[in-house]
Amino acid sequence: MNYDSENIFAKILRGEIPSNKVFENYHALAFHDINPQAPTHVLVIPKGSYVSNEDFTANASDSEIADFMRAVGHVTRELSLVESGY
């Protein structure tokens, strides 16, 4: 499957579609969903040209994956979504 540079997430990353940003680092962007399905609904997306999670985990660099996971962790802490234990 080829990456569609006109998809909604690419447009958000380029600033063509506004978003309510929660966090951003070099490799990831986190923003509130425009149609939330829960009281707190944040999307964290990689900035690279990936078509799926499978594509991302198979082809992203270690630094991209690490930055993405750091973004997820930052958002959960920032929004007080962290619970102790597993």
PDB file of N, CA and C in Angstrom:
ATOM      1  N   MET A   1       0.848  -1.174   0.000  1.00  0.00           N
ATOM      2  CA  MET A   1       0.000   0.000   0.000  1.00  0.00           C
ATOM      3  C   MET A   1       0.897   1.241   0.000  1.00  0.00           C
ATOM      4  N   ASN A   2       0.593   2.189  -0.836  1.00  0.00           N
ATOM      5  CA  ASN A   2       1.367   3.421  -0.931  1.00  0.00           C
ATOM      6  C   ASN A   2       0.827   4.483   0.014  1.00  0.00           C
ATOM      7  N   TYR A   3       1.717   5.316   0.502  1.00  0.00           N
ATOM      8  CA  TYR A   3       1.345   6.420   1.381  1.00  0.00           C
ATOM      9  C   TYR A   3       0.639   7.497   0.571  1.00  0.00           C
ATOM     10  N   ASP A   4      -0.497   7.965   1.066  1.00  0.00           N
ATOM     11  CA  ASP A   4      -1.262   9.033   0.423  1.00  0.00           C
ATOM     12  C   ASP A   4      -0.938  10.348   1.136  1.00  0.00           C
ATOM     13  N   SER A   5      -0.157  11.197   0.510  1.00  0.00           N
ATOM     14  CA  SER A   5       0.263  12.449   1.140  1.00  0.00           C
ATOM     15  C   SER A   5      -0.888  13.441   1.317  1.00  0.00           C
ATOM     16  N   GLU A   6      -2.064  13.100   0.806  1.00  0.00           N
ATOM     17  CA  GLU A   6      -3.241  13.958   0.968  1.00  0.00           C
ATOM     18  C   GLU A   6      -4.196  13.432   2.039  1.00  0.00           C
ATOM     19  N   ASN A   7      -3.767  12.426   2.815  1.00  0.00           N
ATOM     20  CA  ASN A   7      -4.640  11.918   3.876  1.00  0.00           C
ATOM     21  C   ASN A   7      -4.786  12.975   4.973  1.00  0.00           C
ATOM     22  N   ILE A   8      -5.828  12.836   5.772  1.00  0.00           N
ATOM     23  CA  ILE A   8      -6.154  13.853   6.775  1.00  0.00           C
ATOM     24  C   ILE A   8      -5.023  14.069   7.773  1.00  0.00           C
ATOM     25  N   PHE A   9      -4.314  13.006   8.148  1.00  0.00           N
ATOM     26  CA  PHE A   9      -3.237  13.149   9.124  1.00  0.00           C
ATOM     27  C   PHE A   9      -2.046  13.884   8.523  1.00  0.00           C
ATOM     28  N   ALA A  10      -1.748  13.636   7.259  1.00  0.00           N
ATOM     29  CA  ALA A  10      -0.676  14.371   6.581  1.00  0.00           C
ATOM     30  C   ALA A  10      -1.017  15.857   6.524  1.00  0.00           C
ATOM     31  N   LYS A  11      -2.276  16.159   6.269  1.00  0.00           N
ATOM     32  CA  LYS A  11      -2.706  17.558   6.217  1.00  0.00           C
ATOM     33  C   LYS A  11      -2.610  18.216   7.592  1.00  0.00           C
ATOM     34  N   ILE A  12      -2.914  17.473   8.645  1.00  0.00           N
ATOM     35  CA  ILE A  12      -2.762  17.996  10.009  1.00  0.00           C
ATOM     36  C   ILE A  12      -1.287  18.248  10.292  1.00  0.00           C
ATOM     37  N   LEU A  13      -0.427  17.305   9.926  1.00  0.00           N
ATOM     38  CA  LEU A  13       1.006  17.472  10.150  1.00  0.00           C
ATOM     39  C   LEU A  13       1.559  18.688   9.413  1.00  0.00           C
ATOM     40  N   ARG A  14       1.043  18.968   8.235  1.00  0.00           N
ATOM     41  CA  ARG A  14       1.507  20.120   7.447  1.00  0.00           C
ATOM     42  C   ARG A  14       0.849  21.430   7.883  1.00  0.00           C
ATOM     43  N   GLY A  15      -0.113  21.359   8.806  1.00  0.00           N
ATOM     44  CA  GLY A  15      -0.800  22.550   9.277  1.00  0.00           C
ATOM     45  C   GLY A  15      -1.913  23.026   8.363  1.00  0.00           C
ATOM     46  N   GLU A  16      -2.292  22.210   7.387  1.00  0.00           N
ATOM     47  CA  GLU A  16      -3.374  22.570   6.471  1.00  0.00           C
ATOM     48  C   GLU A  16      -4.742  22.402   7.123  1.00  0.00           C
ATOM     49  N   ILE A  17      -4.816  21.518   8.100  1.00  0.00           N
ATOM     50  CA  ILE A  17      -6.022  21.314   8.899  1.00  0.00           C
ATOM     51  C   ILE A  17      -5.624  21.617  10.339  1.00  0.00           C
ATOM     52  N   PRO A  18      -6.359  22.496  11.021  1.00  0.00           N
ATOM     53  CA  PRO A  18      -5.987  22.836  12.396  1.00  0.00           C
ATOM     54  C   PRO A  18      -6.217  21.666  13.348  1.00  0.00           C
ATOM     55  N   SER A  19      -5.440  21.655  14.421  1.00  0.00           N
ATOM     56  CA  SER A  19      -5.619  20.640  15.457  1.00  0.00           C
ATOM     57  C   SER A  19      -5.402  21.283  16.816  1.00  0.00           C
ATOM     58  N   ASN A  20      -5.979  20.662  17.829  1.00  0.00           N
ATOM     59  CA  ASN A  20      -5.798  21.101  19.206  1.00  0.00           C
ATOM     60  C   ASN A  20      -4.637  20.291  19.771  1.00  0.00           C
ATOM     61  N   LYS A  21      -3.431  20.798  19.558  1.00  0.00           N
ATOM     62  CA  LYS A  21      -2.208  20.067  19.885  1.00  0.00           C
ATOM     63  C   LYS A  21      -2.044  19.890  21.390  1.00  0.00           C
ATOM     64  N   VAL A  22      -1.655  18.681  21.777  1.00  0.00           N
ATOM     65  CA  VAL A  22      -1.355  18.354  23.165  1.00  0.00           C
ATOM     66  C   VAL A  22       0.154  18.299  23.367  1.00  0.00           C
ATOM     67  N   PHE A  23       0.861  17.730  22.392  1.00  0.00           N
ATOM     68  CA  PHE A  23       2.313  17.545  22.499  1.00  0.00           C
ATOM     69  C   PHE A  23       2.884  17.313  21.111  1.00  0.00           C
ATOM     70  N   GLU A  24       4.136  17.735  20.954  1.00  0.00           N
ATOM     71  CA  GLU A  24       4.828  17.478  19.691  1.00  0.00           C
ATOM     72  C   GLU A  24       6.314  17.321  19.972  1.00  0.00           C
ATOM     73  N   ASN A  25       6.920  16.335  19.328  1.00  0.00           N
ATOM     74  CA  ASN A  25       8.372  16.221  19.336  1.00  0.00           C
ATOM     75  C   ASN A  25       8.828  16.017  17.890  1.00  0.00           C
ATOM     76  N   TYR A  26      10.071  15.679  17.697  1.00  0.00           N
ATOM     77  CA  TYR A  26      10.624  15.588  16.344  1.00  0.00           C
ATOM     78  C   TYR A  26       9.925  14.533  15.486  1.00  0.00           C
ATOM     79  N   HIS A  27       9.450  13.454  16.106  1.00  0.00           N
ATOM     80  CA  HIS A  27       8.897  12.332  15.347  1.00  0.00           C
ATOM     81  C   HIS A  27       7.417  12.058  15.575  1.00  0.00           C
ATOM     82  N   ALA A  28       6.747  12.825  16.436  1.00  0.00           N
ATOM     83  CA  ALA A  28       5.343  12.519  16.739  1.00  0.00           C
ATOM     84  C   ALA A  28       4.554  13.789  17.037  1.00  0.00           C
ATOM     85  N   LEU A  29       3.250  13.685  16.818  1.00  0.00           N
ATOM     86  CA  LEU A  29       2.323  14.769  17.138  1.00  0.00           C
ATOM     87  C   LEU A  29       1.132  14.157  17.870  1.00  0.00           C
ATOM     88  N   ALA A  30       0.732  14.790  18.972  1.00  0.00           N
ATOM     89  CA  ALA A  30      -0.446  14.354  19.734  1.00  0.00           C
ATOM     90  C   ALA A  30      -1.454  15.491  19.748  1.00  0.00           C
ATOM     91  N   PHE A  31      -2.717  15.156  19.489  1.00  0.00           N
ATOM     92  CA  PHE A  31      -3.763  16.174  19.444  1.00  0.00           C
ATOM     93  C   PHE A  31      -5.098  15.558  19.833  1.00  0.00           C
ATOM     94  N   HIS A  32      -6.014  16.411  20.283  1.00  0.00           N
ATOM     95  CA  HIS A  32      -7.346  15.949  20.672  1.00  0.00           C
ATOM     96  C   HIS A  32      -8.141  15.534  19.436  1.00  0.00           C
ATOM     97  N   ASP A  33      -8.870  14.436  19.559  1.00  0.00           N
ATOM     98  CA  ASP A  33      -9.737  13.965  18.479  1.00  0.00           C
ATOM     99  C   ASP A  33     -10.900  14.938  18.314  1.00  0.00           C
ATOM    100  N   ILE A  34     -11.294  15.219  17.076  1.00  0.00           N
ATOM    101  CA  ILE A  34     -12.403  16.157  16.852  1.00  0.00           C
ATOM    102  C   ILE A  34     -13.766  15.520  17.116  1.00  0.00           C
ATOM    103  N   ASN A  35     -13.795  14.195  17.204  1.00  0.00           N
ATOM    104  CA  ASN A  35     -15.035  13.473  17.487  1.00  0.00           C
ATOM    105  C   ASN A  35     -14.745  12.457  18.596  1.00  0.00           C
ATOM    106  N   PRO A  36     -14.497  12.941  19.819  1.00  0.00           N
ATOM    107  CA  PRO A  36     -14.044  12.049  20.887  1.00  0.00           C
ATOM    108  C   PRO A  36     -15.048  10.951  21.217  1.00  0.00           C
ATOM    109  N   GLN A  37     -14.504   9.779  21.476  1.00  0.00           N
ATOM    110  CA  GLN A  37     -15.306   8.619  21.856  1.00  0.00           C
ATOM    111  C   GLN A  37     -15.164   8.306  23.348  1.00  0.00           C
ATOM    112  N   ALA A  38     -14.438   9.154  24.057  1.00  0.00           N
ATOM    113  CA  ALA A  38     -14.221   9.002  25.496  1.00  0.00           C
ATOM    114  C   ALA A  38     -14.003  10.401  26.070  1.00  0.00           C
ATOM    115  N   PRO A  39     -14.104  10.567  27.388  1.00  0.00           N
ATOM    116  CA  PRO A  39     -13.887  11.889  27.978  1.00  0.00           C
ATOM    117  C   PRO A  39     -12.528  12.497  27.601  1.00  0.00           C
ATOM    118  N   THR A  40     -11.509  11.679  27.524  1.00  0.00           N
ATOM    119  CA  THR A  40     -10.202  12.116  27.035  1.00  0.00           C
ATOM    120  C   THR A  40      -9.854  11.242  25.846  1.00  0.00           C
ATOM    121  N   HIS A  41      -9.750  11.852  24.676  1.00  0.00           N
ATOM    122  CA  HIS A  41      -9.479  11.098  23.443  1.00  0.00           C
ATOM    123  C   HIS A  41      -8.413  11.864  22.664  1.00  0.00           C
ATOM    124  N   VAL A  42      -7.190  11.383  22.761  1.00  0.00           N
ATOM    125  CA  VAL A  42      -6.051  12.023  22.108  1.00  0.00           C
ATOM    126  C   VAL A  42      -5.450  11.049  21.111  1.00  0.00           C
ATOM    127  N   LEU A  43      -5.133  11.554  19.935  1.00  0.00           N
ATOM    128  CA  LEU A  43      -4.453  10.760  18.915  1.00  0.00           C
ATOM    129  C   LEU A  43      -2.975  11.117  18.941  1.00  0.00           C
ATOM    130  N   VAL A  44      -2.128  10.106  18.896  1.00  0.00           N
ATOM    131  CA  VAL A  44      -0.686  10.311  18.774  1.00  0.00           C
ATOM    132  C   VAL A  44      -0.284   9.658  17.464  1.00  0.00           C
ATOM    133  N   ILE A  45       0.282  10.460  16.559  1.00  0.00           N
ATOM    134  CA  ILE A  45       0.629   9.942  15.239  1.00  0.00           C
ATOM    135  C   ILE A  45       2.107  10.185  14.949  1.00  0.00           C
ATOM    136  N   PRO A  46       2.730   9.262  14.234  1.00  0.00           N
ATOM    137  CA  PRO A  46       4.115   9.499  13.820  1.00  0.00           C
ATOM    138  C   PRO A  46       4.146  10.532  12.696  1.00  0.00           C
ATOM    139  N   LYS A  47       5.238  11.249  12.594  1.00  0.00           N
ATOM    140  CA  LYS A  47       5.372  12.254  11.545  1.00  0.00           C
ATOM    141  C   LYS A  47       5.870  11.663  10.227  1.00  0.00           C
ATOM    142  N   GLY A  48       6.339  10.434  10.260  1.00  0.00           N
ATOM    143  CA  GLY A  48       6.825   9.801   9.038  1.00  0.00           C
ATOM    144  C   GLY A  48       5.693   9.355   8.136  1.00  0.00           C
ATOM    145  N   SER A  49       6.046   8.974   6.937  1.00  0.00           N
ATOM    146  CA  SER A  49       5.066   8.559   5.914  1.00  0.00           C
ATOM    147  C   SER A  49       4.756   7.072   6.034  1.00  0.00           C
ATOM    148  N   TYR A  50       3.971   6.720   7.041  1.00  0.00           N
ATOM    149  CA  TYR A  50       3.621   5.323   7.288  1.00  0.00           C
ATOM    150  C   TYR A  50       2.138   5.110   7.035  1.00  0.00           C
ATOM    151  N   VAL A  51       1.787   3.951   6.513  1.00  0.00           N
ATOM    152  CA  VAL A  51       0.390   3.678   6.165  1.00  0.00           C
ATOM    153  C   VAL A  51      -0.355   2.908   7.249  1.00  0.00           C
ATOM    154  N   SER A  52       0.371   2.348   8.206  1.00  0.00           N
ATOM    155  CA  SER A  52      -0.264   1.542   9.253  1.00  0.00           C
ATOM    156  C   SER A  52       0.706   1.380  10.417  1.00  0.00           C
ATOM    157  N   ASN A  53       0.204   0.877  11.526  1.00  0.00           N
ATOM    158  CA  ASN A  53       1.073   0.567  12.655  1.00  0.00           C
ATOM    159  C   ASN A  53       2.089  -0.498  12.263  1.00  0.00           C
ATOM    160  N   GLU A  54       1.671  -1.470  11.486  1.00  0.00           N
ATOM    161  CA  GLU A  54       2.587  -2.514  11.016  1.00  0.00           C
ATOM    162  C   GLU A  54       3.724  -1.897  10.210  1.00  0.00           C
ATOM    163  N   ASP A  55       3.397  -0.994   9.307  1.00  0.00           N
ATOM    164  CA  ASP A  55       4.405  -0.299   8.504  1.00  0.00           C
ATOM    165  C   ASP A  55       5.353   0.483   9.411  1.00  0.00           C
ATOM    166  N   PHE A  56       4.792   1.198  10.373  1.00  0.00           N
ATOM    167  CA  PHE A  56       5.602   1.992  11.297  1.00  0.00           C
ATOM    168  C   PHE A  56       6.554   1.118  12.103  1.00  0.00           C
ATOM    169  N   THR A  57       6.039   0.072  12.735  1.00  0.00           N
ATOM    170  CA  THR A  57       6.893  -0.752  13.597  1.00  0.00           C
ATOM    171  C   THR A  57       7.925  -1.543  12.807  1.00  0.00           C
ATOM    172  N   ALA A  58       7.617  -1.867  11.555  1.00  0.00           N
ATOM    173  CA  ALA A  58       8.565  -2.621  10.731  1.00  0.00           C
ATOM    174  C   ALA A  58       9.615  -1.735  10.076  1.00  0.00           C
ATOM    175  N   ASN A  59       9.284  -0.476   9.798  1.00  0.00           N
ATOM    176  CA  ASN A  59      10.165   0.342   8.971  1.00  0.00           C
ATOM    177  C   ASN A  59      10.694   1.621   9.611  1.00  0.00           C
ATOM    178  N   ALA A  60      10.130   2.040  10.714  1.00  0.00           N
ATOM    179  CA  ALA A  60      10.611   3.260  11.369  1.00  0.00           C
ATOM    180  C   ALA A  60      11.966   3.007  12.015  1.00  0.00           C
ATOM    181  N   SER A  61      12.738   4.064  12.135  1.00  0.00           N
ATOM    182  CA  SER A  61      14.030   3.952  12.812  1.00  0.00           C
ATOM    183  C   SER A  61      13.803   3.790  14.316  1.00  0.00           C
ATOM    184  N   ASP A  62      14.830   3.330  14.997  1.00  0.00           N
ATOM    185  CA  ASP A  62      14.731   3.193  16.448  1.00  0.00           C
ATOM    186  C   ASP A  62      14.411   4.534  17.106  1.00  0.00           C
ATOM    187  N   SER A  63      15.006   5.617  16.598  1.00  0.00           N
ATOM    188  CA  SER A  63      14.743   6.929  17.202  1.00  0.00           C
ATOM    189  C   SER A  63      13.306   7.382  16.960  1.00  0.00           C
ATOM    190  N   GLU A  64      12.726   7.050  15.801  1.00  0.00           N
ATOM    191  CA  GLU A  64      11.325   7.389  15.544  1.00  0.00           C
ATOM    192  C   GLU A  64      10.408   6.649  16.510  1.00  0.00           C
ATOM    193  N   ILE A  65      10.657   5.369  16.684  1.00  0.00           N
ATOM    194  CA  ILE A  65       9.827   4.565  17.584  1.00  0.00           C
ATOM    195  C   ILE A  65       9.986   5.056  19.022  1.00  0.00           C
ATOM    196  N   ALA A  66      11.216   5.340  19.429  1.00  0.00           N
ATOM    197  CA  ALA A  66      11.451   5.824  20.793  1.00  0.00           C
ATOM    198  C   ALA A  66      10.762   7.165  21.024  1.00  0.00           C
ATOM    199  N   ASP A  67      10.884   8.095  20.073  1.00  0.00           N
ATOM    200  CA  ASP A  67      10.226   9.397  20.214  1.00  0.00           C
ATOM    201  C   ASP A  67       8.710   9.252  20.257  1.00  0.00           C
ATOM    202  N   PHE A  68       8.172   8.340  19.452  1.00  0.00           N
ATOM    203  CA  PHE A  68       6.732   8.098  19.447  1.00  0.00           C
ATOM    204  C   PHE A  68       6.285   7.607  20.828  1.00  0.00           C
ATOM    205  N   MET A  69       7.007   6.634  21.371  1.00  0.00           N
ATOM    206  CA  MET A  69       6.644   6.104  22.689  1.00  0.00           C
ATOM    207  C   MET A  69       6.815   7.160  23.780  1.00  0.00           C
ATOM    208  N   ARG A  70       7.843   8.001  23.658  1.00  0.00           N
ATOM    209  CA  ARG A  70       8.006   9.098  24.618  1.00  0.00           C
ATOM    210  C   ARG A  70       6.826  10.065  24.534  1.00  0.00           C
ATOM    211  N   ALA A  71       6.349  10.314  23.334  1.00  0.00           N
ATOM    212  CA  ALA A  71       5.188  11.194  23.160  1.00  0.00           C
ATOM    213  C   ALA A  71       3.965  10.605  23.852  1.00  0.00           C
ATOM    214  N   VAL A  72       3.733   9.314  23.671  1.00  0.00           N
ATOM    215  CA  VAL A  72       2.601   8.653  24.328  1.00  0.00           C
ATOM    216  C   VAL A  72       2.735   8.785  25.844  1.00  0.00           C
ATOM    217  N   GLY A  73       3.923   8.512  26.365  1.00  0.00           N
ATOM    218  CA  GLY A  73       4.152   8.635  27.801  1.00  0.00           C
ATOM    219  C   GLY A  73       3.943  10.051  28.305  1.00  0.00           C
ATOM    220  N   HIS A  74       4.449  11.020  27.559  1.00  0.00           N
ATOM    221  CA  HIS A  74       4.288  12.422  27.954  1.00  0.00           C
ATOM    222  C   HIS A  74       2.808  12.800  28.024  1.00  0.00           C
ATOM    223  N   VAL A  75       2.048  12.408  27.024  1.00  0.00           N
ATOM    224  CA  VAL A  75       0.618  12.737  26.984  1.00  0.00           C
ATOM    225  C   VAL A  75      -0.115  12.098  28.157  1.00  0.00           C
ATOM    226  N   THR A  76       0.162  10.848  28.439  1.00  0.00           N
ATOM    227  CA  THR A  76      -0.537  10.187  29.552  1.00  0.00           C
ATOM    228  C   THR A  76      -0.218  10.859  30.881  1.00  0.00           C
ATOM    229  N   ARG A  77       1.036  11.280  31.064  1.00  0.00           N
ATOM    230  CA  ARG A  77       1.391  11.989  32.303  1.00  0.00           C
ATOM    231  C   ARG A  77       0.764  13.381  32.334  1.00  0.00           C
ATOM    232  N   GLU A  78       0.872  14.109  31.233  1.00  0.00           N
ATOM    233  CA  GLU A  78       0.361  15.480  31.154  1.00  0.00           C
ATOM    234  C   GLU A  78      -1.144  15.541  31.415  1.00  0.00           C
ATOM    235  N   LEU A  79      -1.872  14.548  30.948  1.00  0.00           N
ATOM    236  CA  LEU A  79      -3.329  14.526  31.102  1.00  0.00           C
ATOM    237  C   LEU A  79      -3.783  13.688  32.300  1.00  0.00           C
ATOM    238  N   SER A  80      -2.841  13.322  33.151  1.00  0.00           N
ATOM    239  CA  SER A  80      -3.120  12.550  34.377  1.00  0.00           C
ATOM    240  C   SER A  80      -3.854  11.253  34.074  1.00  0.00           C
ATOM    241  N   LEU A  81      -3.381  10.547  33.062  1.00  0.00           N
ATOM    242  CA  LEU A  81      -3.990   9.274  32.680  1.00  0.00           C
ATOM    243  C   LEU A  81      -3.177   8.075  33.154  1.00  0.00           C
ATOM    244  N   VAL A  82      -2.132   8.327  33.905  1.00  0.00           N
ATOM    245  CA  VAL A  82      -1.251   7.261  34.378  1.00  0.00           C
ATOM    246  C   VAL A  82      -1.818   6.672  35.659  1.00  0.00           C
ATOM    247  N   GLU A  83      -1.882   5.355  35.700  1.00  0.00           N
ATOM    248  CA  GLU A  83      -2.274   4.644  36.913  1.00  0.00           C
ATOM    249  C   GLU A  83      -1.116   3.760  37.322  1.00  0.00           C
ATOM    250  N   SER A  84      -0.967   3.536  38.609  1.00  0.00           N
ATOM    251  CA  SER A  84       0.118   2.678  39.060  1.00  0.00           C
ATOM    252  C   SER A  84      -0.223   1.221  38.783  1.00  0.00           C
ATOM    253  N   GLY A  85       0.815   0.437  38.537  1.00  0.00           N
ATOM    254  CA  GLY A  85       0.618  -0.988  38.270  1.00  0.00           C
ATOM    255  C   GLY A  85       0.253  -1.256  36.831  1.00  0.00           C
ATOM    256  N   TYR A  86      -0.019  -2.530  36.537  1.00  0.00           N
ATOM    257  CA  TYR A  86      -0.355  -2.949  35.169  1.00  0.00           C
ATOM    258  C   TYR A  86      -1.687  -3.649  35.156  1.00  0.00           C
TER     259      TYR A  86
END
